[in-house]
C-alpha cells in the first residue's frame, strides 16, 4: 500500500536478449548478461482511466474550456 492506494506490480523479464540486434535501443543495462526488465505499477493505469473519465464529464469539459 502506498499513499492509501493498493499497489499491484507486474514484472516482465526477457529470458535472454544478449544476441538481440535491438538491445542497444531497448535495454539500458550496460551488463550484457542482465536481461531487459520492465516493472508496471497497476495504479498508473487505474489513475489514467480515472483521469480520462473525469475530463469527459460535463464539469471536466467546462474546466478544460476555461
PDB file of N, CA and C in Angstrom:
ATOM      1  N   UNK A   1       0.850  -1.172   0.000  1.00  0.00           N
ATOM      2  CA  UNK A   1       0.000   0.000   0.000  1.00  0.00           C
ATOM      3  C   UNK A   1       0.895   1.233   0.000  1.00  0.00           C
ATOM      4  N   UNK A   2       0.552   2.197  -0.880  1.00  0.00           N
ATOM      5  CA  UNK A   2       1.324   3.424  -0.970  1.00  0.00           C
ATOM      6  C   UNK A   2       0.362   4.595  -1.112  1.00  0.00           C
ATOM      7  N   UNK A   3       0.495   5.618  -0.293  1.00  0.00           N
ATOM      8  CA  UNK A   3      -0.361   6.804  -0.322  1.00  0.00           C
ATOM      9  C   UNK A   3      -1.839   6.438  -0.252  1.00  0.00           C
ATOM     10  N   UNK A   4      -2.176   5.418   0.519  1.00  0.00           N
ATOM     11  CA  UNK A   4      -3.554   4.994   0.657  1.00  0.00           C
ATOM     12  C   UNK A   4      -4.095   4.226  -0.532  1.00  0.00           C
ATOM     13  N   UNK A   5      -3.245   3.927  -1.501  1.00  0.00           N
ATOM     14  CA  UNK A   5      -3.657   3.193  -2.695  1.00  0.00           C
ATOM     15  C   UNK A   5      -3.053   1.799  -2.671  1.00  0.00           C
ATOM     16  N   UNK A   6      -3.855   0.822  -3.014  1.00  0.00           N
ATOM     17  CA  UNK A   6      -3.353  -0.533  -3.142  1.00  0.00           C
ATOM     18  C   UNK A   6      -2.552  -0.621  -4.435  1.00  0.00           C
ATOM     19  N   UNK A   7      -1.313  -1.046  -4.336  1.00  0.00           N
ATOM     20  CA  UNK A   7      -0.434  -1.105  -5.499  1.00  0.00           C
ATOM     21  C   UNK A   7      -0.134  -2.554  -5.826  1.00  0.00           C
ATOM     22  N   UNK A   8      -0.428  -2.939  -7.057  1.00  0.00           N
ATOM     23  CA  UNK A   8      -0.025  -4.263  -7.517  1.00  0.00           C
ATOM     24  C   UNK A   8       1.006  -4.054  -8.623  1.00  0.00           C
ATOM     25  N   UNK A   9       2.001  -4.881  -8.635  1.00  0.00           N
ATOM     26  CA  UNK A   9       3.116  -4.712  -9.552  1.00  0.00           C
ATOM     27  C   UNK A   9       3.248  -5.934 -10.439  1.00  0.00           C
ATOM     28  N   UNK A  10       3.516  -5.687 -11.710  1.00  0.00           N
ATOM     29  CA  UNK A  10       3.760  -6.776 -12.654  1.00  0.00           C
ATOM     30  C   UNK A  10       5.202  -6.653 -13.141  1.00  0.00           C
ATOM     31  N   UNK A  11       5.911  -7.754 -13.128  1.00  0.00           N
ATOM     32  CA  UNK A  11       7.304  -7.795 -13.574  1.00  0.00           C
ATOM     33  C   UNK A  11       7.375  -8.588 -14.864  1.00  0.00           C
ATOM     34  N   UNK A  12       8.059  -8.046 -15.841  1.00  0.00           N
ATOM     35  CA  UNK A  12       8.283  -8.743 -17.097  1.00  0.00           C
ATOM     36  C   UNK A  12       9.790  -8.759 -17.344  1.00  0.00           C
ATOM     37  N   UNK A  13      10.311  -9.909 -17.665  1.00  0.00           N
ATOM     38  CA  UNK A  13      11.746 -10.032 -17.894  1.00  0.00           C
ATOM     39  C   UNK A  13      12.006 -10.890 -19.121  1.00  0.00           C
ATOM     40  N   UNK A  14      12.872 -10.419 -19.985  1.00  0.00           N
ATOM     41  CA  UNK A  14      13.288 -11.165 -21.161  1.00  0.00           C
ATOM     42  C   UNK A  14      14.216 -12.295 -20.703  1.00  0.00           C
ATOM     43  N   UNK A  15      14.070 -13.464 -21.266  1.00  0.00           N
ATOM     44  CA  UNK A  15      14.927 -14.581 -20.860  1.00  0.00           C
ATOM     45  C   UNK A  15      16.377 -14.342 -21.249  1.00  0.00           C
ATOM     46  N   UNK A  16      16.605 -13.931 -22.484  1.00  0.00           N
ATOM     47  CA  UNK A  16      17.975 -13.677 -22.929  1.00  0.00           C
ATOM     48  C   UNK A  16      17.929 -12.730 -24.117  1.00  0.00           C
ATOM     49  N   UNK A  17      18.473 -11.545 -23.933  1.00  0.00           N
ATOM     50  CA  UNK A  17      18.485 -10.584 -25.039  1.00  0.00           C
ATOM     51  C   UNK A  17      19.914 -10.184 -25.411  1.00  0.00           C
ATOM     52  N   UNK A  18      20.885 -10.979 -25.013  1.00  0.00           N
ATOM     53  CA  UNK A  18      22.283 -10.643 -25.278  1.00  0.00           C
ATOM     54  C   UNK A  18      22.616 -10.660 -26.770  1.00  0.00           C
ATOM     55  N   UNK A  19      21.929 -11.474 -27.565  1.00  0.00           N
ATOM     56  CA  UNK A  19      22.200 -11.559 -29.005  1.00  0.00           C
ATOM     57  C   UNK A  19      21.235 -10.712 -29.842  1.00  0.00           C
ATOM     58  N   UNK A  20      20.344 -10.006 -29.200  1.00  0.00           N
ATOM     59  CA  UNK A  20      19.334  -9.230 -29.915  1.00  0.00           C
ATOM     60  C   UNK A  20      19.974  -7.993 -30.569  1.00  0.00           C
ATOM     61  N   UNK A  21      19.708  -7.757 -31.869  1.00  0.00           N
ATOM     62  CA  UNK A  21      20.287  -6.593 -32.544  1.00  0.00           C
ATOM     63  C   UNK A  21      19.686  -5.260 -32.064  1.00  0.00           C
ATOM     64  N   UNK A  22      18.534  -5.297 -31.425  1.00  0.00           N
ATOM     65  CA  UNK A  22      17.873  -4.077 -30.943  1.00  0.00           C
ATOM     66  C   UNK A  22      18.170  -3.788 -29.473  1.00  0.00           C
ATOM     67  N   UNK A  23      19.040  -4.554 -28.870  1.00  0.00           N
ATOM     68  CA  UNK A  23      19.319  -4.432 -27.435  1.00  0.00           C
ATOM     69  C   UNK A  23      19.772  -3.034 -27.041  1.00  0.00           C
ATOM     70  N   UNK A  24      20.572  -2.395 -27.870  1.00  0.00           N
ATOM     71  CA  UNK A  24      21.091  -1.063 -27.544  1.00  0.00           C
ATOM     72  C   UNK A  24      19.959  -0.045 -27.418  1.00  0.00           C
ATOM     73  N   UNK A  25      18.953  -0.130 -28.286  1.00  0.00           N
ATOM     74  CA  UNK A  25      17.826   0.794 -28.229  1.00  0.00           C
ATOM     75  C   UNK A  25      16.825   0.427 -27.141  1.00  0.00           C
ATOM     76  N   UNK A  26      16.759  -0.838 -26.798  1.00  0.00           N
ATOM     77  CA  UNK A  26      15.720  -1.338 -25.905  1.00  0.00           C
ATOM     78  C   UNK A  26      16.134  -1.359 -24.435  1.00  0.00           C
ATOM     79  N   UNK A  27      17.325  -1.823 -24.146  1.00  0.00           N
ATOM     80  CA  UNK A  27      17.741  -2.081 -22.763  1.00  0.00           C
ATOM     81  C   UNK A  27      18.815  -1.085 -22.327  1.00  0.00           C
ATOM     82  N   UNK A  28      18.626  -0.490 -21.155  1.00  0.00           N
ATOM     83  CA  UNK A  28      19.589   0.483 -20.632  1.00  0.00           C
ATOM     84  C   UNK A  28      20.733  -0.160 -19.871  1.00  0.00           C
ATOM     85  N   UNK A  29      20.584  -1.398 -19.477  1.00  0.00           N
ATOM     86  CA  UNK A  29      21.611  -2.071 -18.681  1.00  0.00           C
ATOM     87  C   UNK A  29      22.888  -2.229 -19.498  1.00  0.00           C
ATOM     88  N   UNK A  30      24.006  -1.849 -18.910  1.00  0.00           N
ATOM     89  CA  UNK A  30      25.290  -1.963 -19.603  1.00  0.00           C
ATOM     90  C   UNK A  30      25.832  -3.390 -19.558  1.00  0.00           C
ATOM     91  N   UNK A  31      25.442  -4.131 -18.532  1.00  0.00           N
ATOM     92  CA  UNK A  31      25.880  -5.514 -18.391  1.00  0.00           C
ATOM     93  C   UNK A  31      25.141  -6.377 -19.410  1.00  0.00           C
ATOM     94  N   UNK A  32      25.873  -7.022 -20.311  1.00  0.00           N
ATOM     95  CA  UNK A  32      25.253  -7.844 -21.357  1.00  0.00           C
ATOM     96  C   UNK A  32      24.558  -9.078 -20.808  1.00  0.00           C
ATOM     97  N   UNK A  33      24.924  -9.509 -19.610  1.00  0.00           N
ATOM     98  CA  UNK A  33      24.305 -10.690 -19.011  1.00  0.00           C
ATOM     99  C   UNK A  33      22.988 -10.364 -18.308  1.00  0.00           C
ATOM    100  N   UNK A  34      22.707  -9.096 -18.124  1.00  0.00           N
ATOM    101  CA  UNK A  34      21.469  -8.694 -17.453  1.00  0.00           C
ATOM    102  C   UNK A  34      20.371  -8.502 -18.502  1.00  0.00           C
ATOM    103  N   UNK A  35      19.276  -9.250 -18.393  1.00  0.00           N
ATOM    104  CA  UNK A  35      18.203  -9.146 -19.403  1.00  0.00           C
ATOM    105  C   UNK A  35      17.336  -7.908 -19.197  1.00  0.00           C
ATOM    106  N   UNK A  36      16.558  -7.588 -20.207  1.00  0.00           N
ATOM    107  CA  UNK A  36      15.604  -6.489 -20.152  1.00  0.00           C
ATOM    108  C   UNK A  36      14.551  -6.793 -19.089  1.00  0.00           C
ATOM    109  N   UNK A  37      14.206  -5.782 -18.293  1.00  0.00           N
ATOM    110  CA  UNK A  37      13.226  -5.967 -17.223  1.00  0.00           C
ATOM    111  C   UNK A  37      12.308  -4.757 -17.184  1.00  0.00           C
ATOM    112  N   UNK A  38      11.011  -5.005 -17.124  1.00  0.00           N
ATOM    113  CA  UNK A  38      10.009  -3.940 -17.075  1.00  0.00           C
ATOM    114  C   UNK A  38       9.153  -4.157 -15.830  1.00  0.00           C
ATOM    115  N   UNK A  39       8.895  -3.071 -15.098  1.00  0.00           N
ATOM    116  CA  UNK A  39       8.045  -3.124 -13.913  1.00  0.00           C
ATOM    117  C   UNK A  39       6.860  -2.193 -14.153  1.00  0.00           C
ATOM    118  N   UNK A  40       5.657  -2.723 -14.066  1.00  0.00           N
ATOM    119  CA  UNK A  40       4.442  -1.926 -14.244  1.00  0.00           C
ATOM    120  C   UNK A  40       3.674  -1.861 -12.930  1.00  0.00           C
ATOM    121  N   UNK A  41       3.368  -0.664 -12.519  1.00  0.00           N
ATOM    122  CA  UNK A  41       2.550  -0.474 -11.328  1.00  0.00           C
ATOM    123  C   UNK A  41       1.110  -0.269 -11.795  1.00  0.00           C
ATOM    124  N   UNK A  42       0.207  -1.100 -11.341  1.00  0.00           N
ATOM    125  CA  UNK A  42      -1.172  -1.098 -11.816  1.00  0.00           C
ATOM    126  C   UNK A  42      -1.901   0.203 -11.483  1.00  0.00           C
ATOM    127  N   UNK A  43      -1.498   0.899 -10.423  1.00  0.00           N
ATOM    128  CA  UNK A  43      -2.207   2.125 -10.062  1.00  0.00           C
ATOM    129  C   UNK A  43      -2.074   3.182 -11.151  1.00  0.00           C
ATOM    130  N   UNK A  44      -0.988   3.173 -11.926  1.00  0.00           N
ATOM    131  CA  UNK A  44      -0.821   4.133 -13.013  1.00  0.00           C
ATOM    132  C   UNK A  44      -1.979   4.029 -13.994  1.00  0.00           C
ATOM    133  N   UNK A  45      -2.301   2.815 -14.421  1.00  0.00           N
ATOM    134  CA  UNK A  45      -3.371   2.632 -15.402  1.00  0.00           C
ATOM    135  C   UNK A  45      -4.731   2.959 -14.798  1.00  0.00           C
ATOM    136  N   UNK A  46      -4.906   2.656 -13.520  1.00  0.00           N
ATOM    137  CA  UNK A  46      -6.166   2.991 -12.851  1.00  0.00           C
ATOM    138  C   UNK A  46      -6.330   4.505 -12.762  1.00  0.00           C
ATOM    139  N   UNK A  47      -5.250   5.205 -12.413  1.00  0.00           N
ATOM    140  CA  UNK A  47      -5.297   6.673 -12.319  1.00  0.00           C
ATOM    141  C   UNK A  47      -5.535   7.283 -13.698  1.00  0.00           C
ATOM    142  N   UNK A  48      -4.919   6.745 -14.732  1.00  0.00           N
ATOM    143  CA  UNK A  48      -5.112   7.269 -16.082  1.00  0.00           C
ATOM    144  C   UNK A  48      -6.562   7.088 -16.508  1.00  0.00           C
ATOM    145  N   UNK A  49      -7.153   5.934 -16.215  1.00  0.00           N
ATOM    146  CA  UNK A  49      -8.554   5.671 -16.555  1.00  0.00           C
ATOM    147  C   UNK A  49      -9.470   6.639 -15.812  1.00  0.00           C
ATOM    148  N   UNK A  50      -9.169   6.875 -14.530  1.00  0.00           N
ATOM    149  CA  UNK A  50      -9.959   7.792 -13.719  1.00  0.00           C
ATOM    150  C   UNK A  50      -9.831   9.219 -14.260  1.00  0.00           C
ATOM    151  N   UNK A  51      -8.632   9.631 -14.636  1.00  0.00           N
ATOM    152  CA  UNK A  51      -8.417  10.975 -15.179  1.00  0.00           C
ATOM    153  C   UNK A  51      -9.179  11.167 -16.481  1.00  0.00           C
ATOM    154  N   UNK A  52      -9.163  10.171 -17.345  1.00  0.00           N
ATOM    155  CA  UNK A  52      -9.899  10.248 -18.608  1.00  0.00           C
ATOM    156  C   UNK A  52     -11.389  10.385 -18.350  1.00  0.00           C
ATOM    157  N   UNK A  53     -11.900   9.603 -17.407  1.00  0.00           N
ATOM    158  CA  UNK A  53     -13.325   9.689 -17.066  1.00  0.00           C
ATOM    159  C   UNK A  53     -13.658  11.074 -16.513  1.00  0.00           C
ATOM    160  N   UNK A  54     -12.761  11.638 -15.700  1.00  0.00           N
ATOM    161  CA  UNK A  54     -13.006  12.958 -15.109  1.00  0.00           C
ATOM    162  C   UNK A  54     -13.056  14.054 -16.161  1.00  0.00           C
ATOM    163  N   UNK A  55     -12.157  14.022 -17.135  1.00  0.00           N
ATOM    164  CA  UNK A  55     -12.142  15.106 -18.116  1.00  0.00           C
ATOM    165  C   UNK A  55     -13.255  14.978 -19.150  1.00  0.00           C
ATOM    166  N   UNK A  56     -13.909  13.843 -19.207  1.00  0.00           N
ATOM    167  CA  UNK A  56     -15.005  13.667 -20.145  1.00  0.00           C
ATOM    168  C   UNK A  56     -16.366  14.020 -19.536  1.00  0.00           C
ATOM    169  N   UNK A  57     -16.400  14.317 -18.233  1.00  0.00           N
ATOM    170  CA  UNK A  57     -17.654  14.729 -17.605  1.00  0.00           C
ATOM    171  C   UNK A  57     -17.988  16.154 -18.035  1.00  0.00           C
ATOM    172  N   UNK A  58     -19.199  16.584 -17.769  1.00  0.00           N
ATOM    173  CA  UNK A  58     -19.620  17.939 -18.128  1.00  0.00           C
ATOM    174  C   UNK A  58     -18.737  18.981 -17.429  1.00  0.00           C
ATOM    175  N   UNK A  59     -18.456  18.749 -16.152  1.00  0.00           N
ATOM    176  CA  UNK A  59     -17.598  19.672 -15.396  1.00  0.00           C
ATOM    177  C   UNK A  59     -16.175  19.666 -15.957  1.00  0.00           C
ATOM    178  N   UNK A  60     -15.664  18.496 -16.300  1.00  0.00           N
ATOM    179  CA  UNK A  60     -14.317  18.382 -16.851  1.00  0.00           C
ATOM    180  C   UNK A  60     -14.191  19.123 -18.169  1.00  0.00           C
ATOM    181  N   UNK A  61     -15.197  19.002 -19.015  1.00  0.00           N
ATOM    182  CA  UNK A  61     -15.182  19.715 -20.294  1.00  0.00           C
ATOM    183  C   UNK A  61     -15.205  21.215 -20.061  1.00  0.00           C
ATOM    184  N   UNK A  62     -16.036  21.666 -19.119  1.00  0.00           N
ATOM    185  CA  UNK A  62     -16.108  23.085 -18.788  1.00  0.00           C
ATOM    186  C   UNK A  62     -14.747  23.594 -18.280  1.00  0.00           C
ATOM    187  N   UNK A  63     -14.120  22.831 -17.393  1.00  0.00           N
ATOM    188  CA  UNK A  63     -12.824  23.261 -16.864  1.00  0.00           C
ATOM    189  C   UNK A  63     -11.758  23.308 -17.948  1.00  0.00           C
ATOM    190  N   UNK A  64     -11.789  22.391 -18.885  1.00  0.00           N
ATOM    191  CA  UNK A  64     -10.813  22.409 -19.986  1.00  0.00           C
ATOM    192  C   UNK A  64     -11.025  23.605 -20.895  1.00  0.00           C
ATOM    193  N   UNK A  65     -12.275  24.013 -21.083  1.00  0.00           N
ATOM    194  CA  UNK A  65     -12.565  25.175 -21.938  1.00  0.00           C
ATOM    195  C   UNK A  65     -12.128  26.481 -21.279  1.00  0.00           C
ATOM    196  N   UNK A  66     -12.155  26.490 -19.960  1.00  0.00           N
ATOM    197  CA  UNK A  66     -11.740  27.709 -19.242  1.00  0.00           C
ATOM    198  C   UNK A  66     -10.251  27.776 -19.222  1.00  0.00           C
TER     199      UNK A  66
END
